[in-house]
Amino acid sequence: MRFALSIGLVTLMATLALAQEVRLSLTFVPGSSATRVVTGKVSGEWNGPTPLSPTKPTSFLFDLSVRAENLLTVARVTPEGDGVIVVMPRGVEVKGTAAEQPFELLITPDGDLKFSWGALSFDSAKLPEADRKGLKQLLTLSHSVTISPQGKIKDFQISEAIKEIAPQVDVLFINAVVTTTLQTLLPAPLPAEPVKVGEVWEIALPVLAFETSEPLSFPIFCTLAEVRGDEAVIKVSAEAKGEANLTLRRWSEKDPKVTVTQGEFSASGEVIFLLSVGVPQRATWRMKAEAEGFVTPPEKGASPVPFKFRLSAEIREQLVF
């Protein structure tokens, strides 16, 4: 009898959990802060031109581990309820092999840069003090992001100091590229209305990385898989494949023109959203991508050079309070 009652209670609780509606919405508390830690593995192959061989395809494999940290602080909340987040870089570390040569890139929290790849090496600590100082300022620049409660990036502003440090940089171009990158890396777009376990919502993510008259859109599907106490588990998937004729945005006309003629991308992930504080606390991702096309050197009359590229990645991200 007790066993039957226990089974009935468990069934009732499970039914109530499935029927429960939850609101998935970001909560912004002015002055609050957390460190965003991203770690992962990235591997793949590049077959195409390189800076050392700009007119002839070169093939090499790469297998890298990545770690990056950023300090996120809620500066203020707008009258519309959006959060203005100040993002301060806290270092990057990339290690592994590329073209069968050891590869290492290190940016310290205070902005020093070390790089080594085979016989190539660079250490900003050995630069003249004025040059070292300028590079450190560039690598530690903070920026602000305005995000809606549903996770949509409404505005991105890089520090005005970049105009003094690197006046040749197109700030509008950086804003477009970084906004796209940040929106892509956000753990999951959130629904405007409360959802139940099992419900699916679709978000059209704008892609600003290409030179198109209108932004492209990329469909992302999200499912509220389960609710475990204070944790809402969101499953995310995305996939795109097909032929194209898309040109990547460039820093300037002096950069090579990269045209993608065919591509394939897929991603899946799991996001843990803390209901009590309204934040995505951690997430895991698996991604695969392949592309091919042409790279045209900037010199007048230069011929396009074909390229092929494939990549796979496993990424973990976490907010540390």
C-alpha atoms as a PDB file:
ATOM      1  CA  MET A   1       0.000   0.000   0.000  1.00  0.00           C
ATOM      2  CA  ARG A   2       2.774   2.413   0.949  1.00  0.00           C
ATOM      3  CA  PHE A   3       4.614   1.478  -2.237  1.00  0.00           C
ATOM      4  CA  ALA A   4       1.522   2.240  -4.321  1.00  0.00           C
ATOM      5  CA  LEU A   5       1.072   5.581  -2.559  1.00  0.00           C
ATOM      6  CA  SER A   6       4.737   6.443  -3.176  1.00  0.00           C
ATOM      7  CA  ILE A   7       4.433   5.609  -6.861  1.00  0.00           C
ATOM      8  CA  GLY A   8       1.285   7.691  -7.082  1.00  0.00           C
ATOM      9  CA  LEU A   9       2.975  10.649  -5.375  1.00  0.00           C
ATOM     10  CA  VAL A  10       5.964  10.482  -7.698  1.00  0.00           C
ATOM     11  CA  THR A  11       3.653  10.301 -10.729  1.00  0.00           C
ATOM     12  CA  LEU A  12       1.639  13.275  -9.475  1.00  0.00           C
ATOM     13  CA  MET A  13       4.788  15.347  -8.890  1.00  0.00           C
ATOM     14  CA  ALA A  14       6.116  14.490 -12.348  1.00  0.00           C
ATOM     15  CA  THR A  15       2.776  15.447 -13.927  1.00  0.00           C
ATOM     16  CA  LEU A  16       2.726  18.767 -12.076  1.00  0.00           C
ATOM     17  CA  ALA A  17       6.314  19.477 -13.157  1.00  0.00           C
ATOM     18  CA  LEU A  18       5.419  18.845 -16.801  1.00  0.00           C
ATOM     19  CA  ALA A  19       2.365  21.095 -16.555  1.00  0.00           C
ATOM     20  CA  GLN A  20       4.233  23.899 -14.801  1.00  0.00           C
ATOM     21  CA  GLU A  21       4.858  27.028 -16.819  1.00  0.00           C
ATOM     22  CA  VAL A  22       8.112  28.871 -16.223  1.00  0.00           C
ATOM     23  CA  ARG A  23       9.229  32.266 -17.410  1.00  0.00           C
ATOM     24  CA  LEU A  24      12.731  32.266 -18.851  1.00  0.00           C
ATOM     25  CA  SER A  25      13.858  35.865 -18.623  1.00  0.00           C
ATOM     26  CA  LEU A  26      17.163  37.524 -17.807  1.00  0.00           C
ATOM     27  CA  THR A  27      17.243  39.505 -14.569  1.00  0.00           C
ATOM     28  CA  PHE A  28      19.536  42.544 -14.395  1.00  0.00           C
ATOM     29  CA  VAL A  29      20.650  43.895 -11.009  1.00  0.00           C
ATOM     30  CA  PRO A  30      22.690  47.122 -11.280  1.00  0.00           C
ATOM     31  CA  GLY A  31      26.158  46.674  -9.807  1.00  0.00           C
ATOM     32  CA  SER A  32      26.095  42.871  -9.894  1.00  0.00           C
ATOM     33  CA  SER A  33      28.979  41.100 -11.610  1.00  0.00           C
ATOM     34  CA  ALA A  34      30.218  37.649 -12.583  1.00  0.00           C
ATOM     35  CA  THR A  35      33.128  36.126 -14.479  1.00  0.00           C
ATOM     36  CA  ARG A  36      32.325  34.315 -17.719  1.00  0.00           C
ATOM     37  CA  VAL A  37      34.743  31.427 -18.250  1.00  0.00           C
ATOM     38  CA  VAL A  38      34.859  29.687 -21.638  1.00  0.00           C
ATOM     39  CA  THR A  39      36.945  26.555 -22.186  1.00  0.00           C
ATOM     40  CA  GLY A  40      37.031  24.068 -25.006  1.00  0.00           C
ATOM     41  CA  LYS A  41      38.704  22.129 -27.782  1.00  0.00           C
ATOM     42  CA  VAL A  42      38.805  23.221 -31.416  1.00  0.00           C
ATOM     43  CA  SER A  43      40.178  21.112 -34.261  1.00  0.00           C
ATOM     44  CA  GLY A  44      39.980  21.071 -38.022  1.00  0.00           C
ATOM     45  CA  GLU A  45      41.769  21.610 -41.323  1.00  0.00           C
ATOM     46  CA  TRP A  46      42.517  24.564 -43.583  1.00  0.00           C
ATOM     47  CA  ASN A  47      43.368  24.147 -47.254  1.00  0.00           C
ATOM     48  CA  GLY A  48      43.906  27.518 -48.881  1.00  0.00           C
ATOM     49  CA  PRO A  49      46.119  30.602 -49.012  1.00  0.00           C
ATOM     50  CA  THR A  50      48.023  31.799 -45.952  1.00  0.00           C
ATOM     51  CA  PRO A  51      49.999  34.988 -45.193  1.00  0.00           C
ATOM     52  CA  LEU A  52      53.179  33.065 -46.064  1.00  0.00           C
ATOM     53  CA  SER A  53      51.651  31.606 -49.240  1.00  0.00           C
ATOM     54  CA  PRO A  54      48.995  34.108 -50.442  1.00  0.00           C
ATOM     55  CA  THR A  55      48.646  32.777 -54.006  1.00  0.00           C
ATOM     56  CA  LYS A  56      48.983  29.023 -53.523  1.00  0.00           C
ATOM     57  CA  PRO A  57      46.783  26.748 -51.366  1.00  0.00           C
ATOM     58  CA  THR A  58      48.475  25.281 -48.304  1.00  0.00           C
ATOM     59  CA  SER A  59      46.957  22.479 -46.243  1.00  0.00           C
ATOM     60  CA  PHE A  60      47.404  22.054 -42.497  1.00  0.00           C
ATOM     61  CA  LEU A  61      45.606  20.551 -39.513  1.00  0.00           C
ATOM     62  CA  PHE A  62      45.048  22.280 -36.188  1.00  0.00           C
ATOM     63  CA  ASP A  63      44.112  20.953 -32.754  1.00  0.00           C
ATOM     64  CA  LEU A  64      43.802  23.595 -30.050  1.00  0.00           C
ATOM     65  CA  SER A  65      42.563  24.045 -26.493  1.00  0.00           C
ATOM     66  CA  VAL A  66      41.031  27.402 -25.601  1.00  0.00           C
ATOM     67  CA  ARG A  67      40.356  29.304 -22.383  1.00  0.00           C
ATOM     68  CA  ALA A  68      39.009  32.849 -22.095  1.00  0.00           C
ATOM     69  CA  GLU A  69      37.659  34.931 -19.227  1.00  0.00           C
ATOM     70  CA  ASN A  70      35.610  38.131 -19.145  1.00  0.00           C
ATOM     71  CA  LEU A  71      34.276  40.116 -16.206  1.00  0.00           C
ATOM     72  CA  LEU A  72      30.623  41.070 -16.747  1.00  0.00           C
ATOM     73  CA  THR A  73      29.103  43.923 -14.728  1.00  0.00           C
ATOM     74  CA  VAL A  74      25.551  45.265 -14.942  1.00  0.00           C
ATOM     75  CA  ALA A  75      26.112  49.012 -15.272  1.00  0.00           C
ATOM     76  CA  ARG A  76      22.439  49.985 -15.380  1.00  0.00           C
ATOM     77  CA  VAL A  77      18.955  48.951 -16.435  1.00  0.00           C
ATOM     78  CA  THR A  78      17.131  51.000 -19.080  1.00  0.00           C
ATOM     79  CA  PRO A  79      13.513  52.149 -18.647  1.00  0.00           C
ATOM     80  CA  GLU A  80      12.549  49.376 -21.098  1.00  0.00           C
ATOM     81  CA  GLY A  81      14.080  46.761 -18.780  1.00  0.00           C
ATOM     82  CA  ASP A  82      17.177  46.061 -20.887  1.00  0.00           C
ATOM     83  CA  GLY A  83      20.504  45.510 -19.163  1.00  0.00           C
ATOM     84  CA  VAL A  84      23.608  47.508 -20.074  1.00  0.00           C
ATOM     85  CA  ILE A  85      26.500  45.127 -19.430  1.00  0.00           C
ATOM     86  CA  VAL A  86      30.134  46.232 -19.279  1.00  0.00           C
ATOM     87  CA  VAL A  87      32.467  43.480 -20.511  1.00  0.00           C
ATOM     88  CA  MET A  88      36.107  43.570 -19.419  1.00  0.00           C
ATOM     89  CA  PRO A  89      38.547  41.001 -20.896  1.00  0.00           C
ATOM     90  CA  ARG A  90      40.468  38.953 -18.354  1.00  0.00           C
ATOM     91  CA  GLY A  91      42.838  36.989 -20.546  1.00  0.00           C
ATOM     92  CA  VAL A  92      42.939  34.394 -23.319  1.00  0.00           C
ATOM     93  CA  GLU A  93      44.982  31.217 -23.658  1.00  0.00           C
ATOM     94  CA  VAL A  94      45.199  29.046 -26.790  1.00  0.00           C
ATOM     95  CA  LYS A  95      47.506  26.022 -26.896  1.00  0.00           C
ATOM     96  CA  GLY A  96      47.998  23.048 -29.179  1.00  0.00           C
ATOM     97  CA  THR A  97      49.377  22.252 -32.615  1.00  0.00           C
ATOM     98  CA  ALA A  98      48.885  23.777 -36.060  1.00  0.00           C
ATOM     99  CA  ALA A  99      50.564  22.404 -39.191  1.00  0.00           C
ATOM    100  CA  GLU A 100      52.336  19.871 -36.952  1.00  0.00           C
ATOM    101  CA  GLN A 101      54.026  22.726 -35.078  1.00  0.00           C
ATOM    102  CA  PRO A 102      53.487  23.735 -31.435  1.00  0.00           C
ATOM    103  CA  PHE A 103      51.148  26.722 -31.192  1.00  0.00           C
ATOM    104  CA  GLU A 104      50.601  29.022 -28.221  1.00  0.00           C
ATOM    105  CA  LEU A 105      48.839  32.350 -27.804  1.00  0.00           C
ATOM    106  CA  LEU A 106      48.602  34.005 -24.402  1.00  0.00           C
ATOM    107  CA  ILE A 107      46.981  37.325 -23.515  1.00  0.00           C
ATOM    108  CA  THR A 108      47.392  38.105 -19.833  1.00  0.00           C
ATOM    109  CA  PRO A 109      44.659  39.878 -17.824  1.00  0.00           C
ATOM    110  CA  ASP A 110      46.719  43.095 -17.924  1.00  0.00           C
ATOM    111  CA  GLY A 111      47.162  42.931 -21.711  1.00  0.00           C
ATOM    112  CA  ASP A 112      50.600  41.478 -22.408  1.00  0.00           C
ATOM    113  CA  LEU A 113      50.723  39.237 -25.480  1.00  0.00           C
ATOM    114  CA  LYS A 114      52.881  36.187 -26.140  1.00  0.00           C
ATOM    115  CA  PHE A 115      52.737  34.153 -29.333  1.00  0.00           C
ATOM    116  CA  SER A 116      54.730  31.222 -30.678  1.00  0.00           C
ATOM    117  CA  TRP A 117      54.172  28.929 -33.643  1.00  0.00           C
ATOM    118  CA  GLY A 118      57.047  26.781 -34.762  1.00  0.00           C
ATOM    119  CA  ALA A 119      59.944  29.141 -35.486  1.00  0.00           C
ATOM    120  CA  LEU A 120      57.747  32.253 -35.167  1.00  0.00           C
ATOM    121  CA  SER A 121      57.497  34.047 -31.832  1.00  0.00           C
ATOM    122  CA  PHE A 122      56.438  37.375 -30.347  1.00  0.00           C
ATOM    123  CA  ASP A 123      56.526  38.802 -26.828  1.00  0.00           C
ATOM    124  CA  SER A 124      55.018  42.221 -26.193  1.00  0.00           C
ATOM    125  CA  ALA A 125      57.099  42.563 -23.019  1.00  0.00           C
ATOM    126  CA  LYS A 126      60.129  43.065 -25.289  1.00  0.00           C
ATOM    127  CA  LEU A 127      58.581  45.998 -27.163  1.00  0.00           C
ATOM    128  CA  PRO A 128      59.543  49.619 -26.483  1.00  0.00           C
ATOM    129  CA  GLU A 129      57.529  50.805 -23.497  1.00  0.00           C
ATOM    130  CA  ALA A 130      55.297  53.146 -25.527  1.00  0.00           C
ATOM    131  CA  ASP A 131      54.382  50.382 -28.011  1.00  0.00           C
ATOM    132  CA  ARG A 132      53.831  47.878 -25.222  1.00  0.00           C
ATOM    133  CA  LYS A 133      51.548  50.303 -23.401  1.00  0.00           C
ATOM    134  CA  GLY A 134      49.455  50.934 -26.518  1.00  0.00           C
ATOM    135  CA  LEU A 135      49.025  47.208 -27.171  1.00  0.00           C
ATOM    136  CA  LYS A 136      48.044  46.573 -23.546  1.00  0.00           C
ATOM    137  CA  GLN A 137      45.415  49.304 -23.763  1.00  0.00           C
ATOM    138  CA  LEU A 138      44.029  47.776 -26.948  1.00  0.00           C
ATOM    139  CA  LEU A 139      43.833  44.244 -25.502  1.00  0.00           C
ATOM    140  CA  THR A 140      42.172  45.336 -22.254  1.00  0.00           C
ATOM    141  CA  LEU A 141      39.563  47.695 -23.705  1.00  0.00           C
ATOM    142  CA  SER A 142      36.145  47.257 -22.159  1.00  0.00           C
ATOM    143  CA  HIS A 143      32.922  47.481 -24.129  1.00  0.00           C
ATOM    144  CA  SER A 144      29.242  47.672 -23.265  1.00  0.00           C
ATOM    145  CA  VAL A 145      26.411  45.505 -24.537  1.00  0.00           C
ATOM    146  CA  THR A 146      22.713  46.283 -24.197  1.00  0.00           C
ATOM    147  CA  ILE A 147      20.717  43.050 -23.881  1.00  0.00           C
ATOM    148  CA  SER A 148      16.964  42.541 -23.651  1.00  0.00           C
ATOM    149  CA  PRO A 149      15.439  40.216 -21.019  1.00  0.00           C
ATOM    150  CA  GLN A 150      15.019  37.662 -23.847  1.00  0.00           C
ATOM    151  CA  GLY A 151      18.735  37.745 -24.665  1.00  0.00           C
ATOM    152  CA  LYS A 152      18.637  39.872 -27.811  1.00  0.00           C
ATOM    153  CA  ILE A 153      21.576  42.235 -28.294  1.00  0.00           C
ATOM    154  CA  LYS A 154      20.141  45.685 -28.970  1.00  0.00           C
ATOM    155  CA  ASP A 155      23.339  47.714 -28.940  1.00  0.00           C
ATOM    156  CA  PHE A 156      27.103  47.323 -28.705  1.00  0.00           C
ATOM    157  CA  GLN A 157      29.538  50.111 -27.925  1.00  0.00           C
ATOM    158  CA  ILE A 158      33.299  49.740 -27.873  1.00  0.00           C
ATOM    159  CA  SER A 159      35.352  52.160 -25.805  1.00  0.00           C
ATOM    160  CA  GLU A 160      36.013  55.489 -27.524  1.00  0.00           C
ATOM    161  CA  ALA A 161      39.659  55.057 -26.502  1.00  0.00           C
ATOM    162  CA  ILE A 162      40.152  52.732 -29.475  1.00  0.00           C
ATOM    163  CA  LYS A 163      40.084  55.763 -31.800  1.00  0.00           C
ATOM    164  CA  GLU A 164      43.222  57.073 -30.094  1.00  0.00           C
ATOM    165  CA  ILE A 165      44.958  53.708 -29.819  1.00  0.00           C
ATOM    166  CA  ALA A 166      44.116  52.451 -33.326  1.00  0.00           C
ATOM    167  CA  PRO A 167      42.662  55.299 -35.430  1.00  0.00           C
ATOM    168  CA  GLN A 168      42.747  53.174 -38.590  1.00  0.00           C
ATOM    169  CA  VAL A 169      40.159  50.750 -37.191  1.00  0.00           C
ATOM    170  CA  ASP A 170      36.599  50.989 -38.535  1.00  0.00           C
ATOM    171  CA  VAL A 171      34.590  51.140 -35.304  1.00  0.00           C
ATOM    172  CA  LEU A 172      31.265  50.523 -37.075  1.00  0.00           C
ATOM    173  CA  PHE A 173      32.684  47.385 -38.667  1.00  0.00           C
ATOM    174  CA  ILE A 174      33.965  46.143 -35.304  1.00  0.00           C
ATOM    175  CA  ASN A 175      30.560  46.808 -33.757  1.00  0.00           C
ATOM    176  CA  ALA A 176      28.839  44.724 -36.447  1.00  0.00           C
ATOM    177  CA  VAL A 177      31.272  41.805 -36.195  1.00  0.00           C
ATOM    178  CA  VAL A 178      31.386  41.736 -32.390  1.00  0.00           C
ATOM    179  CA  THR A 179      27.607  42.057 -32.099  1.00  0.00           C
ATOM    180  CA  THR A 180      27.188  39.050 -34.381  1.00  0.00           C
ATOM    181  CA  THR A 181      29.782  37.065 -32.436  1.00  0.00           C
ATOM    182  CA  LEU A 182      28.267  37.893 -29.054  1.00  0.00           C
ATOM    183  CA  GLN A 183      24.745  37.066 -30.220  1.00  0.00           C
ATOM    184  CA  THR A 184      25.950  33.748 -31.602  1.00  0.00           C
ATOM    185  CA  LEU A 185      27.692  32.869 -28.335  1.00  0.00           C
ATOM    186  CA  LEU A 186      24.792  33.795 -26.055  1.00  0.00           C
ATOM    187  CA  PRO A 187      23.687  30.569 -24.344  1.00  0.00           C
ATOM    188  CA  ALA A 188      20.153  30.597 -25.788  1.00  0.00           C
ATOM    189  CA  PRO A 189      17.552  33.044 -27.067  1.00  0.00           C
ATOM    190  CA  LEU A 190      14.680  33.092 -24.570  1.00  0.00           C
ATOM    191  CA  PRO A 191      10.927  33.012 -25.313  1.00  0.00           C
ATOM    192  CA  ALA A 192       8.772  36.067 -24.728  1.00  0.00           C
ATOM    193  CA  GLU A 193       6.038  34.038 -22.984  1.00  0.00           C
ATOM    194  CA  PRO A 194       6.150  31.401 -20.208  1.00  0.00           C
ATOM    195  CA  VAL A 195       6.737  27.849 -21.473  1.00  0.00           C
ATOM    196  CA  LYS A 196       6.082  24.300 -20.289  1.00  0.00           C
ATOM    197  CA  VAL A 197       8.437  21.331 -20.344  1.00  0.00           C
ATOM    198  CA  GLY A 198       8.583  19.974 -23.887  1.00  0.00           C
ATOM    199  CA  GLU A 199       7.676  23.236 -25.598  1.00  0.00           C
ATOM    200  CA  VAL A 200       9.833  24.378 -28.522  1.00  0.00           C
ATOM    201  CA  TRP A 201      10.494  27.923 -29.665  1.00  0.00           C
ATOM    202  CA  GLU A 202      12.368  29.161 -32.719  1.00  0.00           C
ATOM    203  CA  ILE A 203      14.541  32.245 -32.974  1.00  0.00           C
ATOM    204  CA  ALA A 204      15.792  33.809 -36.217  1.00  0.00           C
ATOM    205  CA  LEU A 205      19.326  34.940 -35.411  1.00  0.00           C
ATOM    206  CA  PRO A 206      20.547  37.827 -37.610  1.00  0.00           C
ATOM    207  CA  VAL A 207      23.926  37.193 -39.247  1.00  0.00           C
ATOM    208  CA  LEU A 208      25.870  40.392 -39.918  1.00  0.00           C
ATOM    209  CA  ALA A 209      29.214  38.865 -40.907  1.00  0.00           C
ATOM    210  CA  PHE A 210      28.559  39.026 -44.659  1.00  0.00           C
ATOM    211  CA  GLU A 211      28.401  41.943 -47.094  1.00  0.00           C
ATOM    212  CA  THR A 212      24.679  41.756 -47.840  1.00  0.00           C
ATOM    213  CA  SER A 213      22.122  44.528 -48.311  1.00  0.00           C
ATOM    214  CA  GLU A 214      19.872  42.870 -45.724  1.00  0.00           C
ATOM    215  CA  PRO A 215      21.035  40.757 -42.740  1.00  0.00           C
ATOM    216  CA  LEU A 216      20.724  37.020 -43.220  1.00  0.00           C
ATOM    217  CA  SER A 217      18.825  35.033 -40.610  1.00  0.00           C
ATOM    218  CA  PHE A 218      19.823  31.735 -39.028  1.00  0.00           C
ATOM    219  CA  PRO A 219      17.128  29.559 -37.362  1.00  0.00           C
ATOM    220  CA  ILE A 220      17.790  28.292 -33.832  1.00  0.00           C
ATOM    221  CA  PHE A 221      15.465  25.791 -32.128  1.00  0.00           C
ATOM    222  CA  CYS A 222      15.202  25.679 -28.332  1.00  0.00           C
ATOM    223  CA  THR A 223      13.343  23.195 -26.114  1.00  0.00           C
ATOM    224  CA  LEU A 224      12.603  23.379 -22.397  1.00  0.00           C
ATOM    225  CA  ALA A 225      13.729  19.811 -21.708  1.00  0.00           C
ATOM    226  CA  GLU A 226      13.101  19.680 -17.950  1.00  0.00           C
ATOM    227  CA  VAL A 227      12.948  21.665 -14.727  1.00  0.00           C
ATOM    228  CA  ARG A 228      15.074  20.402 -11.826  1.00  0.00           C
ATOM    229  CA  GLY A 229      14.255  22.532  -8.814  1.00  0.00           C
ATOM    230  CA  ASP A 230      15.836  25.913  -9.546  1.00  0.00           C
ATOM    231  CA  GLU A 231      17.396  24.732 -12.811  1.00  0.00           C
ATOM    232  CA  ALA A 232      15.657  24.898 -16.173  1.00  0.00           C
ATOM    233  CA  VAL A 233      17.380  22.709 -18.776  1.00  0.00           C
ATOM    234  CA  ILE A 234      17.233  24.138 -22.302  1.00  0.00           C
ATOM    235  CA  LYS A 235      18.261  22.055 -25.317  1.00  0.00           C
ATOM    236  CA  VAL A 236      19.443  24.046 -28.322  1.00  0.00           C
ATOM    237  CA  SER A 237      19.999  22.947 -31.929  1.00  0.00           C
ATOM    238  CA  ALA A 238      20.784  24.692 -35.186  1.00  0.00           C
ATOM    239  CA  GLU A 239      21.662  23.557 -38.686  1.00  0.00           C
ATOM    240  CA  ALA A 240      22.259  25.146 -42.065  1.00  0.00           C
ATOM    241  CA  LYS A 241      23.549  23.765 -45.357  1.00  0.00           C
ATOM    242  CA  GLY A 242      23.654  24.826 -48.963  1.00  0.00           C
ATOM    243  CA  GLU A 243      25.286  26.682 -51.808  1.00  0.00           C
ATOM    244  CA  ALA A 244      25.875  30.404 -51.553  1.00  0.00           C
ATOM    245  CA  ASN A 245      27.752  33.372 -52.923  1.00  0.00           C
ATOM    246  CA  LEU A 246      28.544  35.362 -49.796  1.00  0.00           C
ATOM    247  CA  THR A 247      31.451  37.700 -49.127  1.00  0.00           C
ATOM    248  CA  LEU A 248      32.755  38.181 -45.609  1.00  0.00           C
ATOM    249  CA  ARG A 249      32.940  41.722 -44.271  1.00  0.00           C
ATOM    250  CA  ARG A 250      36.488  43.113 -44.305  1.00  0.00           C
ATOM    251  CA  TRP A 251      38.411  45.428 -42.009  1.00  0.00           C
ATOM    252  CA  SER A 252      39.409  47.485 -45.042  1.00  0.00           C
ATOM    253  CA  GLU A 253      39.826  47.345 -48.822  1.00  0.00           C
ATOM    254  CA  LYS A 254      43.426  46.261 -48.210  1.00  0.00           C
ATOM    255  CA  ASP A 255      42.270  42.910 -46.845  1.00  0.00           C
ATOM    256  CA  PRO A 256      41.735  39.814 -49.024  1.00  0.00           C
ATOM    257  CA  LYS A 257      38.192  39.208 -50.246  1.00  0.00           C
ATOM    258  CA  VAL A 258      36.797  35.925 -48.889  1.00  0.00           C
ATOM    259  CA  THR A 259      33.833  34.490 -50.807  1.00  0.00           C
ATOM    260  CA  VAL A 260      31.967  31.438 -49.499  1.00  0.00           C
ATOM    261  CA  THR A 261      30.327  29.333 -52.228  1.00  0.00           C
ATOM    262  CA  GLN A 262      29.223  26.348 -50.177  1.00  0.00           C
ATOM    263  CA  GLY A 263      28.874  25.705 -46.470  1.00  0.00           C
ATOM    264  CA  GLU A 264      27.472  23.507 -43.747  1.00  0.00           C
ATOM    265  CA  PHE A 265      27.030  24.208 -40.035  1.00  0.00           C
ATOM    266  CA  SER A 266      25.459  22.339 -37.138  1.00  0.00           C
ATOM    267  CA  ALA A 267      25.383  22.957 -33.405  1.00  0.00           C
ATOM    268  CA  SER A 268      23.767  21.368 -30.381  1.00  0.00           C
ATOM    269  CA  GLY A 269      23.938  22.345 -26.760  1.00  0.00           C
ATOM    270  CA  GLU A 270      22.479  22.283 -23.284  1.00  0.00           C
ATOM    271  CA  VAL A 271      21.965  25.395 -21.179  1.00  0.00           C
ATOM    272  CA  ILE A 272      21.292  25.417 -17.438  1.00  0.00           C
ATOM    273  CA  PHE A 273      19.183  28.467 -16.557  1.00  0.00           C
ATOM    274  CA  LEU A 274      18.836  29.438 -12.877  1.00  0.00           C
ATOM    275  CA  LEU A 275      15.229  30.490 -12.347  1.00  0.00           C
ATOM    276  CA  SER A 276      15.767  32.200  -8.977  1.00  0.00           C
ATOM    277  CA  VAL A 277      18.340  34.688 -10.276  1.00  0.00           C
ATOM    278  CA  GLY A 278      17.377  34.796 -13.957  1.00  0.00           C
ATOM    279  CA  VAL A 279      20.722  33.898 -15.555  1.00  0.00           C
ATOM    280  CA  PRO A 280      22.097  31.103 -17.771  1.00  0.00           C
ATOM    281  CA  GLN A 281      24.702  29.759 -15.348  1.00  0.00           C
ATOM    282  CA  ARG A 282      26.438  27.160 -17.532  1.00  0.00           C
ATOM    283  CA  ALA A 283      26.275  25.560 -20.955  1.00  0.00           C
ATOM    284  CA  THR A 284      27.940  22.931 -23.127  1.00  0.00           C
ATOM    285  CA  TRP A 285      28.156  23.022 -26.927  1.00  0.00           C
ATOM    286  CA  ARG A 286      29.165  20.814 -29.835  1.00  0.00           C
ATOM    287  CA  MET A 287      29.673  22.436 -33.226  1.00  0.00           C
ATOM    288  CA  LYS A 288      30.735  21.367 -36.708  1.00  0.00           C
ATOM    289  CA  ALA A 289      31.337  23.528 -39.753  1.00  0.00           C
ATOM    290  CA  GLU A 290      32.595  23.114 -43.302  1.00  0.00           C
ATOM    291  CA  ALA A 291      33.022  25.726 -45.993  1.00  0.00           C
ATOM    292  CA  GLU A 292      34.632  26.227 -49.359  1.00  0.00           C
ATOM    293  CA  GLY A 293      35.085  29.139 -51.679  1.00  0.00           C
ATOM    294  CA  PHE A 294      37.738  31.581 -52.864  1.00  0.00           C
ATOM    295  CA  VAL A 295      40.147  34.099 -51.375  1.00  0.00           C
ATOM    296  CA  THR A 296      41.011  36.995 -53.686  1.00  0.00           C
ATOM    297  CA  PRO A 297      44.185  38.944 -52.779  1.00  0.00           C
ATOM    298  CA  PRO A 298      43.704  42.729 -52.559  1.00  0.00           C
ATOM    299  CA  GLU A 299      46.179  43.482 -55.349  1.00  0.00           C
ATOM    300  CA  LYS A 300      44.555  44.701 -58.570  1.00  0.00           C
ATOM    301  CA  GLY A 301      44.081  41.902 -61.098  1.00  0.00           C
ATOM    302  CA  ALA A 302      44.867  39.139 -58.583  1.00  0.00           C
ATOM    303  CA  SER A 303      43.304  35.752 -59.261  1.00  0.00           C
ATOM    304  CA  PRO A 304      41.033  34.061 -56.690  1.00  0.00           C
ATOM    305  CA  VAL A 305      42.613  31.193 -54.742  1.00  0.00           C
ATOM    306  CA  PRO A 306      40.328  28.294 -53.733  1.00  0.00           C
ATOM    307  CA  PHE A 307      39.993  27.268 -50.093  1.00  0.00           C
ATOM    308  CA  LYS A 308      38.360  24.512 -48.064  1.00  0.00           C
ATOM    309  CA  PHE A 309      37.838  24.611 -44.324  1.00  0.00           C
ATOM    310  CA  ARG A 310      36.414  22.262 -41.709  1.00  0.00           C
ATOM    311  CA  LEU A 311      36.106  22.667 -37.965  1.00  0.00           C
ATOM    312  CA  SER A 312      34.704  20.849 -34.953  1.00  0.00           C
ATOM    313  CA  ALA A 313      34.501  22.224 -31.432  1.00  0.00           C
ATOM    314  CA  GLU A 314      33.396  21.275 -27.940  1.00  0.00           C
ATOM    315  CA  ILE A 315      32.855  24.303 -25.732  1.00  0.00           C
ATOM    316  CA  ARG A 316      31.937  24.775 -22.073  1.00  0.00           C
ATOM    317  CA  GLU A 317      30.969  28.096 -20.563  1.00  0.00           C
ATOM    318  CA  GLN A 318      30.142  29.049 -17.003  1.00  0.00           C
ATOM    319  CA  LEU A 319      29.267  32.126 -14.984  1.00  0.00           C
ATOM    320  CA  VAL A 320      31.235  32.286 -11.737  1.00  0.00           C
ATOM    321  CA  PHE A 321      29.663  34.587  -9.171  1.00  0.00           C
END
